[in-house]
Amino acid sequence: MNSLKLEDTAVYYCNFRSSFNVYWGQGTQV
């Protein structure tokens, strides 16, 4: 993430989608 702006402030979650399931991370604050 470059040239970050005030409006980029949020909790960011990663997400993996496989053929069988959907996974979520716990979130990280930016």
All heavy atoms as atom14 arrays in JSON, in Angstrom:
{
  "sequence": "MNSLKLEDTAVYYCNFRSSFNVYWGQGTQV",
  "atom14_mask": [
    [1, 1, 1, 1, 1, 1, 1, 1, 0, 0, 0, 0, 0, 0],
    [1, 1, 1, 1, 1, 1, 1, 1, 0, 0, 0, 0, 0, 0],
    [1, 1, 1, 1, 1, 1, 0, 0, 0, 0, 0, 0, 0, 0],
    [1, 1, 1, 1, 1, 1, 1, 1, 0, 0, 0, 0, 0, 0],
    [1, 1, 1, 1, 1, 1, 1, 1, 1, 0, 0, 0, 0, 0],
    [1, 1, 1, 1, 1, 1, 1, 1, 0, 0, 0, 0, 0, 0],
    [1, 1, 1, 1, 1, 1, 1, 1, 1, 0, 0, 0, 0, 0],
    [1, 1, 1, 1, 1, 1, 1, 1, 0, 0, 0, 0, 0, 0],
    [1, 1, 1, 1, 1, 1, 1, 0, 0, 0, 0, 0, 0, 0],
    [1, 1, 1, 1, 1, 0, 0, 0, 0, 0, 0, 0, 0, 0],
    [1, 1, 1, 1, 1, 1, 1, 0, 0, 0, 0, 0, 0, 0],
    [1, 1, 1, 1, 1, 1, 1, 1, 1, 1, 1, 1, 0, 0],
    [1, 1, 1, 1, 1, 1, 1, 1, 1, 1, 1, 1, 0, 0],
    [1, 1, 1, 1, 1, 1, 0, 0, 0, 0, 0, 0, 0, 0],
    [1, 1, 1, 1, 1, 1, 1, 1, 0, 0, 0, 0, 0, 0],
    [1, 1, 1, 1, 1, 1, 1, 1, 1, 1, 1, 0, 0, 0],
    [1, 1, 1, 1, 1, 1, 1, 1, 1, 1, 1, 0, 0, 0],
    [1, 1, 1, 1, 1, 1, 0, 0, 0, 0, 0, 0, 0, 0],
    [1, 1, 1, 1, 1, 1, 0, 0, 0, 0, 0, 0, 0, 0],
    [1, 1, 1, 1, 1, 1, 1, 1, 1, 1, 1, 0, 0, 0],
    [1, 1, 1, 1, 1, 1, 1, 1, 0, 0, 0, 0, 0, 0],
    [1, 1, 1, 1, 1, 1, 1, 0, 0, 0, 0, 0, 0, 0],
    [1, 1, 1, 1, 1, 1, 1, 1, 1, 1, 1, 1, 0, 0],
    [1, 1, 1, 1, 1, 1, 1, 1, 1, 1, 1, 1, 1, 1],
    [1, 1, 1, 1, 0, 0, 0, 0, 0, 0, 0, 0, 0, 0],
    [1, 1, 1, 1, 1, 1, 1, 1, 1, 0, 0, 0, 0, 0],
    [1, 1, 1, 1, 0, 0, 0, 0, 0, 0, 0, 0, 0, 0],
    [1, 1, 1, 1, 1, 1, 1, 0, 0, 0, 0, 0, 0, 0],
    [1, 1, 1, 1, 1, 1, 1, 1, 1, 0, 0, 0, 0, 0],
    [1, 1, 1, 1, 1, 1, 1, 0, 0, 0, 0, 0, 0, 0]
  ],
  "atom14_positions": [
    [[0.85, -1.19, 0.0], [0.0, 0.0, 0.0], [0.89, 1.24, 0.0], [1.63, 1.47, 0.96], [-0.91, 0.0, 1.22], [-1.77, -1.26, 1.36], [-2.94, -1.18, 2.71], [-1.82, -1.16, 4.12], [0.0, 0.0, 0.0], [0.0, 0.0, 0.0], [0.0, 0.0, 0.0], [0.0, 0.0, 0.0], [0.0, 0.0, 0.0], [0.0, 0.0, 0.0]],
    [[0.83, 1.99, -1.08], [1.6, 3.22, -1.21], [0.67, 4.43, -1.27], [-0.53, 4.28, -1.51], [2.45, 3.17, -2.48], [3.46, 2.04, -2.47], [3.96, 1.64, -1.42], [3.75, 1.51, -3.65], [0.0, 0.0, 0.0], [0.0, 0.0, 0.0], [0.0, 0.0, 0.0], [0.0, 0.0, 0.0], [0.0, 0.0, 0.0], [0.0, 0.0, 0.0]],
    [[1.24, 5.6, -1.06], [0.47, 6.85, -1.13], [-0.81, 6.74, -0.31], [-1.9, 7.08, -0.78], [0.14, 7.18, -2.59], [1.31, 7.28, -3.36], [0.0, 0.0, 0.0], [0.0, 0.0, 0.0], [0.0, 0.0, 0.0], [0.0, 0.0, 0.0], [0.0, 0.0, 0.0], [0.0, 0.0, 0.0], [0.0, 0.0, 0.0], [0.0, 0.0, 0.0]],
    [[-0.66, 6.29, 0.91], [-1.83, 6.06, 1.75], [-2.56, 7.37, 2.05], [-1.95, 8.43, 2.22], [-1.43, 5.37, 3.04], [-1.17, 3.86, 2.88], [-0.33, 3.32, 4.02], [-2.49, 3.11, 2.77], [0.0, 0.0, 0.0], [0.0, 0.0, 0.0], [0.0, 0.0, 0.0], [0.0, 0.0, 0.0], [0.0, 0.0, 0.0], [0.0, 0.0, 0.0]],
    [[-3.88, 7.26, 2.1], [-4.74, 8.39, 2.36], [-5.51, 8.17, 3.68], [-5.63, 7.05, 4.15], [-5.74, 8.56, 1.22], [-5.12, 8.74, -0.14], [-6.19, 8.83, -1.22], [-5.58, 9.02, -2.6], [-6.62, 9.13, -3.66], [0.0, 0.0, 0.0], [0.0, 0.0, 0.0], [0.0, 0.0, 0.0], [0.0, 0.0, 0.0], [0.0, 0.0, 0.0]],
    [[-6.04, 9.27, 4.2], [-6.8, 9.17, 5.45], [-7.94, 8.16, 5.31], [-8.22, 7.39, 6.24], [-7.37, 10.53, 5.84], [-6.36, 11.64, 6.13], [-7.09, 12.94, 6.48], [-5.42, 11.24, 7.24], [0.0, 0.0, 0.0], [0.0, 0.0, 0.0], [0.0, 0.0, 0.0], [0.0, 0.0, 0.0], [0.0, 0.0, 0.0], [0.0, 0.0, 0.0]],
    [[-8.55, 8.13, 4.14], [-9.71, 7.26, 3.93], [-9.33, 5.79, 3.79], [-10.21, 4.94, 3.67], [-10.52, 7.71, 2.7], [-9.71, 7.9, 1.45], [-9.27, 9.35, 1.24], [-8.91, 10.01, 2.25], [-9.3, 9.81, 0.08], [0.0, 0.0, 0.0], [0.0, 0.0, 0.0], [0.0, 0.0, 0.0], [0.0, 0.0, 0.0], [0.0, 0.0, 0.0]],
    [[-8.05, 5.49, 3.81], [-7.62, 4.08, 3.8], [-7.64, 3.49, 5.21], [-7.43, 2.28, 5.38], [-6.21, 3.95, 3.23], [-6.15, 4.3, 1.76], [-7.08, 3.92, 1.01], [-5.18, 4.97, 1.35], [0.0, 0.0, 0.0], [0.0, 0.0, 0.0], [0.0, 0.0, 0.0], [0.0, 0.0, 0.0], [0.0, 0.0, 0.0], [0.0, 0.0, 0.0]],
    [[-7.89, 4.31, 6.21], [-7.95, 3.83, 7.58], [-9.08, 2.82, 7.73], [-10.23, 3.1, 7.39], [-8.18, 5.0, 8.56], [-7.03, 5.86, 8.53], [-8.39, 4.49, 9.97], [0.0, 0.0, 0.0], [0.0, 0.0, 0.0], [0.0, 0.0, 0.0], [0.0, 0.0, 0.0], [0.0, 0.0, 0.0], [0.0, 0.0, 0.0], [0.0, 0.0, 0.0]],
    [[-8.74, 1.63, 8.2], [-9.72, 0.55, 8.34], [-9.04, -0.67, 8.95], [-7.81, -0.71, 9.1], [-10.3, 0.18, 6.97], [0.0, 0.0, 0.0], [0.0, 0.0, 0.0], [0.0, 0.0, 0.0], [0.0, 0.0, 0.0], [0.0, 0.0, 0.0], [0.0, 0.0, 0.0], [0.0, 0.0, 0.0], [0.0, 0.0, 0.0], [0.0, 0.0, 0.0]],
    [[-9.86, -1.66, 9.27], [-9.33, -2.98, 9.59], [-9.27, -3.77, 8.29], [-10.27, -3.84, 7.57], [-10.2, -3.71, 10.63], [-9.64, -5.11, 10.9], [-10.28, -2.91, 11.92], [0.0, 0.0, 0.0], [0.0, 0.0, 0.0], [0.0, 0.0, 0.0], [0.0, 0.0, 0.0], [0.0, 0.0, 0.0], [0.0, 0.0, 0.0], [0.0, 0.0, 0.0]],
    [[-8.12, -4.33, 8.01], [-7.92, -5.07, 6.77], [-7.93, -6.57, 7.06], [-7.26, -7.03, 8.0], [-6.59, -4.66, 6.13], [-6.65, -3.31, 5.46], [-6.76, -2.15, 6.21], [-6.62, -3.2, 4.07], [-6.85, -0.91, 5.61], [-6.7, -1.95, 3.45], [-6.81, -0.83, 4.22], [-6.89, 0.41, 3.61], [0.0, 0.0, 0.0], [0.0, 0.0, 0.0]],
    [[-8.7, -7.29, 6.26], [-8.86, -8.73, 6.43], [-8.38, -9.45, 5.17], [-8.75, -9.07, 4.06], [-10.32, -9.1, 6.65], [-10.96, -8.48, 7.87], [-11.57, -7.24, 7.8], [-10.97, -9.16, 9.08], [-12.17, -6.67, 8.91], [-11.57, -8.6, 10.21], [-12.16, -7.36, 10.1], [-12.76, -6.81, 11.21], [0.0, 0.0, 0.0], [0.0, 0.0, 0.0]],
    [[-7.62, -10.5, 5.34], [-7.3, -11.32, 4.18], [-8.34, -12.44, 4.05], [-9.0, -12.82, 5.01], [-5.89, -11.9, 4.26], [-5.62, -13.05, 5.6], [0.0, 0.0, 0.0], [0.0, 0.0, 0.0], [0.0, 0.0, 0.0], [0.0, 0.0, 0.0], [0.0, 0.0, 0.0], [0.0, 0.0, 0.0], [0.0, 0.0, 0.0], [0.0, 0.0, 0.0]],
    [[-8.44, -12.94, 2.84], [-9.48, -13.9, 2.5], [-8.93, -14.88, 1.47], [-8.38, -14.47, 0.46], [-10.68, -13.13, 1.95], [-11.74, -14.02, 1.35], [-11.67, -14.39, 0.17], [-12.73, -14.36, 2.13], [0.0, 0.0, 0.0], [0.0, 0.0, 0.0], [0.0, 0.0, 0.0], [0.0, 0.0, 0.0], [0.0, 0.0, 0.0], [0.0, 0.0, 0.0]],
    [[-9.06, -16.16, 1.77], [-8.68, -17.22, 0.82], [-9.95, -17.99, 0.44], [-10.73, -18.36, 1.32], [-7.7, -18.21, 1.46], [-6.3, -17.7, 1.64], [-5.99, -16.37, 1.49], [-5.28, -18.58, 1.97], [-4.7, -15.89, 1.68], [-3.98, -18.13, 2.16], [-3.7, -16.79, 2.02], [0.0, 0.0, 0.0], [0.0, 0.0, 0.0], [0.0, 0.0, 0.0]],
    [[-10.11, -18.22, -0.84], [-11.23, -19.03, -1.3], [-10.68, -20.24, -2.04], [-9.97, -20.09, -3.03], [-12.13, -18.22, -2.22], [-12.78, -17.04, -1.54], [-13.63, -16.2, -2.48], [-14.16, -15.03, -1.81], [-15.31, -14.99, -1.16], [-16.08, -16.08, -1.12], [-15.72, -13.89, -0.55], [0.0, 0.0, 0.0], [0.0, 0.0, 0.0], [0.0, 0.0, 0.0]],
    [[-11.02, -21.42, -1.52], [-10.59, -22.65, -2.18], [-11.81, -23.32, -2.81], [-12.92, -22.79, -2.73], [-9.93, -23.59, -1.17], [-10.92, -24.19, -0.34], [0.0, 0.0, 0.0], [0.0, 0.0, 0.0], [0.0, 0.0, 0.0], [0.0, 0.0, 0.0], [0.0, 0.0, 0.0], [0.0, 0.0, 0.0], [0.0, 0.0, 0.0], [0.0, 0.0, 0.0]],
    [[-11.59, -24.46, -3.38], [-12.7, -25.2, -3.98], [-13.65, -25.73, -2.9], [-14.77, -26.14, -3.22], [-12.15, -26.36, -4.8], [-11.32, -25.88, -5.84], [0.0, 0.0, 0.0], [0.0, 0.0, 0.0], [0.0, 0.0, 0.0], [0.0, 0.0, 0.0], [0.0, 0.0, 0.0], [0.0, 0.0, 0.0], [0.0, 0.0, 0.0], [0.0, 0.0, 0.0]],
    [[-13.21, -25.71, -1.66], [-13.98, -26.35, -0.59], [-14.39, -25.41, 0.53], [-15.32, -25.73, 1.28], [-13.16, -27.5, 0.02], [-12.55, -28.4, -1.01], [-11.21, -28.3, -1.33], [-13.32, -29.32, -1.69], [-10.64, -29.11, -2.29], [-12.78, -30.14, -2.65], [-11.43, -30.03, -2.95], [0.0, 0.0, 0.0], [0.0, 0.0, 0.0], [0.0, 0.0, 0.0]],
    [[-13.72, -24.29, 0.66], [-13.97, -23.48, 1.84], [-13.57, -22.02, 1.6], [-12.89, -21.7, 0.63], [-13.17, -24.03, 3.04], [-13.92, -23.89, 4.35], [-14.79, -23.02, 4.48], [-13.6, -24.74, 5.31], [0.0, 0.0, 0.0], [0.0, 0.0, 0.0], [0.0, 0.0, 0.0], [0.0, 0.0, 0.0], [0.0, 0.0, 0.0], [0.0, 0.0, 0.0]],
    [[-14.0, -21.18, 2.54], [-13.61, -19.77, 2.55], [-12.97, -19.49, 3.9], [-13.51, -19.87, 4.95], [-14.83, -18.85, 2.34], [-14.4, -17.39, 2.42], [-15.5, -19.15, 1.01], [0.0, 0.0, 0.0], [0.0, 0.0, 0.0], [0.0, 0.0, 0.0], [0.0, 0.0, 0.0], [0.0, 0.0, 0.0], [0.0, 0.0, 0.0], [0.0, 0.0, 0.0]],
    [[-11.83, -18.84, 3.87], [-11.08, -18.56, 5.09], [-10.92, -17.05, 5.25], [-10.71, -16.32, 4.28], [-9.69, -19.2, 5.03], [-9.7, -20.69, 4.81], [-9.8, -21.21, 3.52], [-9.58, -21.58, 5.87], [-9.8, -22.58, 3.3], [-9.58, -22.95, 5.66], [-9.69, -23.44, 4.38], [-9.69, -24.79, 4.17], [0.0, 0.0, 0.0], [0.0, 0.0, 0.0]],
    [[-10.96, -16.61, 6.5], [-10.78, -15.19, 6.83], [-9.7, -15.04, 7.89], [-9.59, -15.87, 8.81], [-12.06, -14.58, 7.38], [-13.13, -14.36, 6.36], [-14.17, -15.19, 6.06], [-13.27, -13.22, 5.51], [-14.93, -14.64, 5.07], [-14.42, -13.44, 4.71], [-12.54, -12.04, 5.34], [-14.85, -12.51, 3.76], [-12.97, -11.13, 4.39], [-14.12, -11.36, 3.61]],
    [[-8.9, -13.98, 7.75], [-7.98, -13.62, 8.8], [-8.69, -12.88, 9.91], [-9.87, -12.54, 9.8], [0.0, 0.0, 0.0], [0.0, 0.0, 0.0], [0.0, 0.0, 0.0], [0.0, 0.0, 0.0], [0.0, 0.0, 0.0], [0.0, 0.0, 0.0], [0.0, 0.0, 0.0], [0.0, 0.0, 0.0], [0.0, 0.0, 0.0], [0.0, 0.0, 0.0]],
    [[-7.96, -12.61, 10.98], [-8.56, -11.97, 12.14], [-8.63, -10.46, 11.99], [-9.32, -9.79, 12.76], [-7.75, -12.33, 13.41], [-6.47, -11.52, 13.61], [-5.34, -11.94, 12.69], [-5.45, -12.88, 11.91], [-4.22, -11.23, 12.81], [0.0, 0.0, 0.0], [0.0, 0.0, 0.0], [0.0, 0.0, 0.0], [0.0, 0.0, 0.0], [0.0, 0.0, 0.0]],
    [[-7.94, -9.93, 11.0], [-7.96, -8.49, 10.77], [-6.74, -7.8, 11.36], [-6.25, -8.17, 12.42], [0.0, 0.0, 0.0], [0.0, 0.0, 0.0], [0.0, 0.0, 0.0], [0.0, 0.0, 0.0], [0.0, 0.0, 0.0], [0.0, 0.0, 0.0], [0.0, 0.0, 0.0], [0.0, 0.0, 0.0], [0.0, 0.0, 0.0], [0.0, 0.0, 0.0]],
    [[-6.27, -6.79, 10.65], [-5.16, -5.99, 11.13], [-5.5, -4.52, 10.88], [-5.99, -4.15, 9.82], [-3.84, -6.38, 10.44], [-2.75, -5.64, 11.02], [-3.86, -6.13, 8.94], [0.0, 0.0, 0.0], [0.0, 0.0, 0.0], [0.0, 0.0, 0.0], [0.0, 0.0, 0.0], [0.0, 0.0, 0.0], [0.0, 0.0, 0.0], [0.0, 0.0, 0.0]],
    [[-5.24, -3.7, 11.88], [-5.62, -2.29, 11.81], [-4.6, -1.49, 11.03], [-3.39, -1.6, 11.25], [-5.74, -1.7, 13.22], [-6.08, -0.22, 13.27], [-7.5, 0.08, 12.83], [-8.44, -0.6, 13.24], [-7.65, 1.11, 11.99], [0.0, 0.0, 0.0], [0.0, 0.0, 0.0], [0.0, 0.0, 0.0], [0.0, 0.0, 0.0], [0.0, 0.0, 0.0]],
    [[-5.11, -0.67, 10.12], [-4.29, 0.31, 9.4], [-4.87, 1.68, 9.72], [-6.05, 1.93, 9.48], [-4.3, 0.05, 7.89], [-3.62, 1.19, 7.15], [-3.61, -1.27, 7.58], [0.0, 0.0, 0.0], [0.0, 0.0, 0.0], [0.0, 0.0, 0.0], [0.0, 0.0, 0.0], [0.0, 0.0, 0.0], [0.0, 0.0, 0.0], [0.0, 0.0, 0.0]]
  ]
}
